[in-house]
Protein backbone atom coordinates (compact mmCIF):
# COMPACT_ATOMS: atom_id res chain seq x y z
CA UNK A 1 3.23 22.07 1.59
CA UNK A 2 2.39 15.75 0.59
CA UNK A 3 8.25 6.59 3.26
CA UNK A 4 11.06 4.56 3.24
CA UNK A 5 12.71 1.59 4.84
CA UNK A 6 15.71 1.56 7.15
CA UNK A 7 17.71 -1.22 8.77
CA UNK A 8 19.48 -1.69 12.10
CA UNK A 9 21.88 1.19 12.31
CA UNK A 10 25.33 2.29 13.11
CA UNK A 11 26.41 5.18 15.42
CA UNK A 12 25.19 8.96 15.79
CA UNK A 13 25.12 12.05 18.05
CA UNK A 14 21.91 14.12 17.97
CA UNK A 15 21.44 17.91 17.95
CA UNK A 16 17.87 19.12 18.56
CA UNK A 17 16.34 22.51 17.77
CA UNK A 18 12.78 23.13 19.06
CA UNK A 19 10.33 25.62 17.56
CA UNK A 20 7.33 26.37 19.97
CA UNK A 21 4.97 29.36 20.57
CA UNK A 22 6.77 30.92 23.53
CA UNK A 23 10.49 31.55 23.01
CA UNK A 24 12.90 30.50 25.77
CA UNK A 25 16.65 30.05 25.81
CA UNK A 26 18.01 26.50 25.67
CA UNK A 27 21.61 25.45 26.15
CA UNK A 28 23.39 22.62 24.39
CA UNK A 29 25.19 20.09 26.60
CA UNK A 30 28.49 21.90 26.13
CA UNK A 31 26.98 25.01 27.75
CA UNK A 32 28.52 27.18 25.02
CA UNK A 33 25.72 27.39 22.45
CA UNK A 34 22.24 28.85 22.94
CA UNK A 35 19.29 28.16 20.65
CA UNK A 36 15.79 29.62 20.58
CA UNK A 37 13.21 27.07 21.69
CA UNK A 38 9.49 27.53 20.94
CA UNK A 39 6.76 25.12 22.04
CA UNK A 40 3.78 24.38 19.78
CA UNK A 41 2.42 21.37 21.60
CA UNK A 42 3.32 17.72 22.18
CA UNK A 43 4.43 16.72 18.66
CA UNK A 44 8.05 17.23 17.62
CA UNK A 45 9.55 16.66 14.21
CA UNK A 46 12.98 14.96 14.15
CA UNK A 47 14.94 15.57 10.95
CA UNK A 48 18.36 14.13 10.19
CA UNK A 49 21.33 16.33 9.31
CA UNK A 50 22.74 15.87 5.81
CA UNK A 51 26.06 14.41 7.00
CA UNK A 52 24.44 11.72 9.13
CA UNK A 53 24.35 8.02 8.32
CA UNK A 54 20.84 6.95 7.31
CA UNK A 55 19.00 6.17 10.56
CA UNK A 56 16.99 3.02 11.13
CA UNK A 57 13.58 2.49 12.67
CA UNK A 58 15.31 1.31 15.84
CA UNK A 59 17.53 4.42 15.95
CA UNK A 60 14.44 6.65 15.94
CA UNK A 61 12.88 4.58 18.72
CA UNK A 62 16.09 4.94 20.75
CA UNK A 63 16.11 8.73 20.31
CA UNK A 64 12.44 8.94 21.29
CA UNK A 65 13.05 6.88 24.41
CA UNK A 66 16.06 9.04 25.36
CA UNK A 67 13.81 12.09 25.10
CA UNK A 68 11.16 10.43 27.28
CA UNK A 69 8.80 10.46 24.31
CA UNK A 70 7.09 8.04 21.93
CA UNK A 71 7.83 7.63 18.22
CA UNK A 72 4.51 8.11 16.37
CA UNK A 73 5.59 8.51 12.72
CA UNK A 74 8.57 7.86 10.43
CA UNK A 75 9.50 10.18 7.54
CA UNK A 76 11.07 9.14 4.21
CA UNK A 77 12.70 11.06 1.36
CA UNK A 78 14.73 9.96 -1.66
CA UNK A 79 14.96 9.81 -5.42
CA UNK A 80 12.14 7.24 -5.66
CA UNK A 81 9.67 9.07 -3.41
CA UNK A 82 8.74 10.95 -0.27
CA UNK A 83 6.28 10.26 2.54
CA UNK A 84 5.38 9.49 6.14
CA UNK A 85 4.22 6.31 7.92
CA UNK A 86 2.09 6.71 11.05
CA UNK A 87 2.85 3.94 13.53
CA UNK A 88 0.22 1.81 15.24
CA UNK A 89 0.28 0.46 18.79
CA UNK A 90 2.55 -2.54 19.07
CA UNK A 91 4.45 -1.75 15.83
CA UNK A 92 7.54 -3.92 15.36
CA UNK A 93 10.37 -3.71 12.84
CA UNK A 94 8.68 -6.42 10.78
CA UNK A 95 5.23 -4.81 10.78
CA UNK A 96 6.76 -1.38 10.12
CA UNK A 97 8.62 -2.62 7.04
CA UNK A 98 5.46 -4.27 5.74
CA UNK A 99 3.46 -1.14 6.53
CA UNK A 100 5.91 1.12 4.62
CA UNK A 101 6.09 -1.25 1.65
CA UNK A 102 2.29 -1.37 1.37
CA UNK A 103 2.04 2.42 1.49
CA UNK A 104 4.58 3.02 -1.28
CA UNK A 105 3.11 0.21 -3.34
CA UNK A 106 -0.02 2.40 -3.66
CA UNK A 107 2.10 4.94 -5.59
CA UNK A 108 3.94 2.26 -7.56
CA UNK A 109 7.42 2.84 -6.13
CA UNK A 110 9.99 1.41 -3.73
CA UNK A 111 10.37 2.52 -0.12
CA UNK A 112 12.72 5.55 0.12
CA UNK A 113 15.36 6.12 2.83
CA UNK A 114 14.35 7.14 6.36
CA UNK A 115 15.17 10.79 7.08
CA UNK A 116 13.48 11.36 10.45
CA UNK A 117 10.29 11.01 12.42
CA UNK A 118 7.68 12.54 14.71
CA UNK A 119 7.68 12.01 18.47
CA UNK A 120 4.96 12.68 21.03
CA UNK A 121 5.75 13.87 24.55
CA UNK A 122 3.57 14.60 27.58
CA UNK A 123 6.10 17.24 28.68
CA UNK A 124 7.86 19.96 26.64
CA UNK A 125 11.14 18.63 25.20
CA UNK A 126 13.94 21.01 26.14
CA UNK A 127 17.00 18.90 25.27
CA UNK A 128 19.02 20.13 22.31
CA UNK A 129 21.51 17.25 22.21
CA UNK A 130 20.76 13.53 22.36
CA UNK A 131 23.29 10.73 22.08
CA UNK A 132 21.98 7.93 19.86
CA UNK A 133 23.62 5.24 17.76
CA UNK A 134 23.64 6.48 14.16
CA UNK A 135 24.07 10.21 13.47
CA UNK A 136 23.07 13.80 14.15
CA UNK A 137 19.37 14.65 14.64
CA UNK A 138 17.79 18.12 14.38
CA UNK A 139 14.48 18.44 16.26
CA UNK A 140 11.76 20.97 15.47
CA UNK A 141 8.20 21.15 16.79
CA UNK A 142 5.30 20.18 14.56
CA UNK A 143 2.62 22.89 14.91
CA UNK A 144 -0.98 21.86 15.44
CA UNK A 145 -3.35 22.73 12.55
CA UNK A 146 -4.30 26.39 12.81
CA UNK A 147 -7.90 27.49 13.20
CA UNK A 148 -8.99 30.06 10.65
CA UNK A 149 -11.14 31.64 13.36
CA UNK A 150 -7.94 33.17 14.74
CA UNK A 151 -6.60 34.77 11.56
CA UNK A 152 -7.75 37.18 8.88
CA UNK A 153 -9.11 35.28 5.92
CA UNK A 154 -7.12 35.51 2.69
CA UNK A 155 -8.23 34.31 -0.74
CA UNK A 156 -6.94 30.91 -1.79
CA UNK A 157 -7.92 29.22 -5.00
CA UNK A 158 -8.08 25.67 -3.61
CA UNK A 159 -10.89 26.60 -1.25
CA UNK A 160 -12.97 28.40 -3.84
CA UNK A 161 -13.14 25.93 -6.69
CA UNK A 162 -16.95 25.83 -6.62
CA UNK A 163 -17.21 29.33 -8.09
CA UNK A 164 -15.53 28.53 -11.42
CA UNK A 165 -16.80 26.61 -14.42
CA UNK A 166 -15.06 23.35 -15.35
CA UNK A 167 -11.85 24.18 -17.20
CA UNK A 168 -11.46 22.20 -20.42
CA UNK A 169 -8.43 24.00 -21.86
CA UNK A 170 -5.66 23.85 -19.28
CA UNK A 171 -2.45 25.84 -19.66
CA UNK A 172 0.33 23.55 -21.00
CA UNK A 173 2.58 23.96 -17.93
CA UNK A 174 -0.11 22.25 -15.80
CA UNK A 175 -0.65 18.46 -16.03
CA UNK A 176 -2.94 17.22 -18.77
CA UNK A 177 -4.50 14.43 -16.69
CA UNK A 178 -5.74 13.94 -13.10
CA UNK A 179 -7.04 10.70 -11.56
CA UNK A 180 -8.30 9.82 -8.08
CA UNK A 181 -9.53 6.83 -6.13
CA UNK A 182 -10.85 7.12 -2.57
CA UNK A 183 -11.64 3.96 -0.66
CA UNK A 184 -12.07 2.50 2.82
CA UNK A 185 -9.21 0.34 4.04
CA UNK A 186 -9.09 -1.91 7.12
CA UNK A 187 -5.50 -2.51 8.28
CA UNK A 188 -4.76 -5.30 10.74
CA UNK A 189 -2.96 -3.95 13.83
CA UNK A 190 -2.87 -7.07 16.03
CA UNK A 191 -2.57 -10.71 15.01
CA UNK A 192 -2.70 -13.81 17.21
CA UNK A 193 -2.12 -17.35 15.93
CA UNK A 194 -2.40 -16.05 12.39
CA UNK A 195 -5.78 -14.39 12.92
CA UNK A 196 -6.41 -10.64 13.05
CA UNK A 197 -8.00 -9.45 16.30
CA UNK A 198 -7.80 -5.68 15.89
CA UNK A 199 -8.30 -3.49 12.84
CA UNK A 200 -7.58 0.16 12.08
CA UNK A 201 -10.26 1.69 9.84
CA UNK A 202 -8.66 4.12 7.38
CA UNK A 203 -9.95 6.54 4.77
CA UNK A 204 -7.49 6.37 1.86
CA UNK A 205 -7.16 8.69 -1.14
CA UNK A 206 -4.81 8.18 -4.10
CA UNK A 207 -4.40 10.89 -6.75
CA UNK A 208 -2.21 11.00 -9.84
CA UNK A 209 -1.12 13.61 -12.38
CA UNK A 210 0.49 13.22 -15.82
CA UNK A 211 1.92 15.70 -18.31
CA UNK A 212 1.32 14.42 -21.87
CA UNK A 213 0.39 15.62 -25.37
CA UNK A 214 1.57 19.25 -25.55
CA UNK A 215 1.80 19.58 -21.75
CA UNK A 216 5.18 19.39 -20.01
CA UNK A 217 6.67 20.38 -16.63
CA UNK A 218 9.60 21.82 -18.63
CA UNK A 219 7.17 24.61 -19.60
CA UNK A 220 6.77 25.68 -15.96
CA UNK A 221 7.15 29.49 -16.15
CA UNK A 222 9.55 30.21 -13.29
CA UNK A 223 11.58 28.69 -10.46
CA UNK A 224 10.08 31.43 -8.26
CA UNK A 225 6.73 29.63 -8.38
CA UNK A 226 5.79 26.13 -7.24
CA UNK A 227 2.86 23.84 -8.03
CA UNK A 228 0.14 22.42 -5.78
CA UNK A 229 -2.66 19.99 -6.59
CA UNK A 230 -5.29 18.24 -4.56
CA UNK A 231 -8.83 18.29 -3.27
CA UNK A 232 -10.95 20.41 -0.95
CA UNK A 233 -13.46 18.40 1.08
CA UNK A 234 -16.74 19.90 2.29
CA UNK A 235 -17.70 19.72 5.97
CA UNK A 236 -21.20 18.67 6.99
CA UNK A 237 -20.85 19.51 10.67
CA UNK A 238 -21.97 22.70 12.38
CA UNK A 239 -19.43 25.54 12.07
CA UNK A 240 -19.07 27.96 14.98
CA UNK A 241 -16.37 30.29 16.30
CA UNK A 242 -14.17 27.36 17.27
CA UNK A 243 -14.09 25.07 14.22
CA UNK A 244 -12.98 21.50 14.81
CA UNK A 245 -11.22 20.00 11.79
CA UNK A 246 -11.80 16.47 13.10
CA UNK A 247 -15.59 16.66 12.57
CA UNK A 248 -17.63 16.34 9.45
CA UNK A 249 -15.08 14.85 7.05
CA UNK A 250 -14.73 11.35 5.68
CA UNK A 251 -10.94 11.96 5.48
CA UNK A 252 -9.91 13.94 8.56
CA UNK A 253 -7.05 16.36 9.23
CA UNK A 254 -5.41 14.42 12.04
CA UNK A 255 -1.83 13.15 11.84
CA UNK A 256 -1.93 11.11 8.65
CA UNK A 257 0.39 9.01 6.53
CA UNK A 258 1.25 9.77 2.95
CA UNK A 259 3.54 8.67 0.17
CA UNK A 260 4.43 9.77 -3.35
CA UNK A 261 6.73 8.62 -6.16
CA UNK A 262 7.60 12.27 -6.89
CA UNK A 263 11.19 12.21 -5.63
CA UNK A 264 13.75 14.90 -6.42
CA UNK A 265 11.25 17.76 -6.81
CA UNK A 266 11.14 19.11 -3.22
CA UNK A 267 7.59 17.94 -2.52
CA UNK A 268 5.63 18.61 0.65
CA UNK A 269 2.27 17.63 2.12
CA UNK A 270 0.43 20.94 2.45
CA UNK A 271 -0.79 20.47 6.01
CA UNK A 272 -0.81 24.18 6.84
CA UNK A 273 -4.53 24.92 6.71
CA UNK A 274 -4.40 28.51 7.95
CA UNK A 275 -6.61 29.66 5.07
CA UNK A 276 -9.19 26.85 5.33
CA UNK A 277 -12.40 27.67 7.17
CA UNK A 278 -14.31 25.00 9.08
CA UNK A 279 -16.49 24.30 6.05
CA UNK A 280 -13.56 23.30 3.83
CA UNK A 281 -10.63 20.94 4.41
CA UNK A 282 -7.90 20.82 1.77
CA UNK A 283 -5.59 17.86 1.11
CA UNK A 284 -2.92 19.06 -1.31
CA UNK A 285 0.55 17.99 -2.38
CA UNK A 286 2.99 20.77 -3.15
CA UNK A 287 5.93 20.65 -5.55
CA UNK A 288 8.51 23.36 -4.99
CA UNK A 289 10.48 22.37 -8.14
CA UNK A 290 7.98 21.09 -10.77
CA UNK A 291 10.51 21.72 -13.53
CA UNK A 292 12.46 18.71 -12.16
CA UNK A 293 9.63 16.34 -13.14
CA UNK A 294 9.30 14.42 -16.41
CA UNK A 295 6.58 14.48 -19.08
CA UNK A 296 4.84 11.18 -19.82
CA UNK A 297 5.29 9.78 -16.29
CA UNK A 298 2.36 9.10 -13.95
CA UNK A 299 3.09 10.72 -10.59
CA UNK A 300 0.95 9.40 -7.74
CA UNK A 301 0.23 10.50 -4.17
CA UNK A 302 -1.59 8.56 -1.43
CA UNK A 303 -2.83 9.82 1.94
CA UNK A 304 -4.55 7.82 4.67
CA UNK A 305 -6.05 8.76 8.05
CA UNK A 306 -8.46 7.18 10.55
CA UNK A 307 -11.93 7.06 9.04
CA UNK A 308 -14.82 9.05 10.46
CA UNK A 309 -17.41 6.39 11.40
CA UNK A 310 -20.20 8.99 11.33
CA UNK A 311 -19.45 10.25 7.81
CA UNK A 312 -19.61 7.60 5.07
CA UNK A 313 -18.75 10.03 2.25
CA UNK A 314 -17.72 13.62 1.47
CA UNK A 315 -18.29 15.91 -1.51
CA UNK A 316 -15.21 17.65 -2.90
CA UNK A 317 -13.63 19.88 -5.52
CA UNK A 318 -10.18 19.45 -7.10
CA UNK A 319 -7.74 21.97 -8.50
CA UNK A 320 -4.26 22.78 -9.82
CA UNK A 321 -2.58 26.02 -8.77
CA UNK A 322 0.72 27.86 -8.94
CA UNK A 323 1.99 29.25 -5.62
CA UNK A 324 4.75 31.76 -5.07
CA UNK A 325 7.98 30.42 -3.54
CA UNK A 326 8.45 32.46 -0.36
CA UNK A 327 10.91 30.00 1.21
CA UNK A 328 14.44 31.05 2.10
CA UNK A 329 17.04 28.42 1.27
CA UNK A 330 16.32 24.91 2.50
CA UNK A 331 13.32 25.77 4.69
CA UNK A 332 12.46 23.00 7.12
CA UNK A 333 8.76 22.76 6.20
CA UNK A 334 7.83 24.06 2.75
CA UNK A 335 4.16 23.93 3.76
CA UNK A 336 4.75 26.97 5.98
CA UNK A 337 6.44 29.17 3.37
CA UNK A 338 5.17 28.22 -0.11
CA UNK A 339 2.36 30.60 -1.07
CA UNK A 340 2.87 32.55 2.14
CA UNK A 341 2.64 35.94 0.41
CA UNK A 342 -0.93 36.11 -0.89
CA UNK A 343 -0.36 39.55 -2.45
CA UNK A 344 2.09 38.47 -5.17
CA UNK A 345 0.55 38.80 -8.63
CA UNK A 346 0.94 36.00 -11.19
CA UNK A 347 3.13 37.75 -13.80
CA UNK A 348 2.89 35.30 -16.68
CA UNK A 349 0.41 34.68 -19.45
CA UNK A 350 -1.98 31.80 -18.93
CA UNK A 351 -3.81 30.81 -15.77
CA UNK A 352 -2.49 30.66 -12.21
CA UNK A 353 -5.01 27.92 -11.37
CA UNK A 354 -7.23 25.40 -13.13
CA UNK A 355 -10.42 23.82 -11.85
CA UNK A 356 -10.24 20.04 -12.16
CA UNK A 357 -13.50 19.03 -10.43
CA UNK A 358 -16.14 21.66 -9.67
CA UNK A 359 -17.94 21.31 -6.33
CA UNK A 360 -21.25 21.78 -8.14
CA UNK A 361 -20.71 18.39 -9.84
CA UNK A 362 -21.67 16.72 -6.56
CA UNK A 363 -18.87 14.14 -6.88
CA UNK A 364 -18.28 12.05 -3.75
CA UNK A 365 -15.42 10.23 -2.05
CA UNK A 366 -15.05 7.27 -1.70
CA UNK A 367 -15.28 6.65 -5.46
CA UNK A 368 -13.06 6.94 -8.54
CA UNK A 369 -12.83 10.01 -10.78
CA UNK A 370 -10.81 11.43 -13.65
CA UNK A 371 -10.45 14.65 -15.64
CA UNK A 372 -8.37 15.30 -18.76
CA UNK A 373 -7.47 18.43 -20.67
CA UNK A 374 -10.00 19.28 -23.41
CA UNK A 375 -12.75 17.15 -21.86
CA UNK A 376 -16.09 18.88 -21.46
CA UNK A 377 -16.73 17.17 -18.11
CA UNK A 378 -14.97 14.91 -15.58
CA UNK A 379 -15.92 11.26 -15.08
CA UNK A 380 -16.87 9.45 -11.85
CA UNK A 381 -17.48 5.74 -11.24
CA UNK A 382 -17.67 3.22 -8.40
CA UNK A 383 -14.70 1.48 -6.80
CA UNK A 384 -13.81 -1.73 -8.58
CA UNK A 385 -15.65 -0.69 -11.74
CA UNK A 386 -14.57 0.56 -15.16
CA UNK A 387 -15.77 3.30 -17.49
CA UNK A 388 -15.02 4.26 -21.10
CA UNK A 389 -12.85 7.37 -21.26
CA UNK A 390 -13.55 10.02 -23.93
CA UNK A 391 -11.00 11.02 -26.60
CA UNK A 392 -8.07 11.26 -26.69
CA UNK A 393 -7.90 8.28 -24.30
CA UNK A 394 -10.65 6.06 -25.78
CA UNK A 395 -10.23 3.12 -23.41
CA UNK A 396 -11.90 1.67 -20.31
CA UNK A 397 -10.33 3.02 -17.14
CA UNK A 398 -10.34 1.23 -13.80
CA UNK A 399 -9.42 2.41 -10.33
CA UNK A 400 -5.82 2.42 -9.08
CA UNK A 401 -6.48 -0.63 -6.92
CA UNK A 402 -7.10 -2.57 -10.13
CA UNK A 403 -4.00 -1.16 -11.85
CA UNK A 404 -1.08 -2.02 -9.54
């Protein structure tokens, strides 16, 4: 369902379309066009129209100020990668550029172009046109994470990985290798006279996938199906009729930043958790067009969110899965339409999903782990360490933080 650098910009007009829970009519400045406006809450997603000049960080701040709102995140998308940077209090152009560069460095790529952002407003945003300095902006609301207490539960493979045995013969259209490193990161948010006075404590998770040997994304069975991979964390807090996703997890479900070097494949951070119950929290990256990827290349994905000070670690499972493409055209948020129809049957030979790490292994984040096709069991080791990988690798592997 999954960050790039801009510079001081040139001129734009902005058209905004809001998507909330209660539909009301909204009129563009000209008074001639009506759009449907729905309000989800106080977060709104600004995306840039295709014919607009690439906006800058300052352009997004100007649009947010015009709307009477605050810019809280910047979105990136390009050939070298995709992602989102969450801003900290007192962010400047200089700290933002450093922030974005550090994020994309964790996935071994350059910062992609800015394509939009997320703004926060105390009041519903009803404007549909905003005059800024560098292009045309489309605005849509970012829905809050759904609670599974309000919907009928549907089966989803990523949440049920604990029931299956470890797969050691993966279908060749899935990656042949998966790696992960989870670690605690303290980011400086305020410096004075060269010294850091305030820190943001983050939980950070980097995962990678590679197609090698006889595995290749060119073998992906159909363009009507996409690919998702990631982890499902287990919650240690009490679950009741009103589950709170912010409790019990080392890596929480709040607004988080992420980056990947998987450009050109229509990737998305799968932040629609409608099928997660309060005992499971999935962090998955989706790929609508896996056939656009290349065999032999290590694709990486990093996510980071404020750390839970009361939860030093979290057990998890990991999985690959194919999801049906239920999106129509260029859907605004693939997370809300990929795998939407849970009743579609996988029509091909081979497996629709593969277990990478079984929950019964008792693996924990933060640590490093790896699983490879044909292995009898995954490997886990401590951050900063190294461990000998079985055949066909036959070398000592370290964590990502030691690689790049």
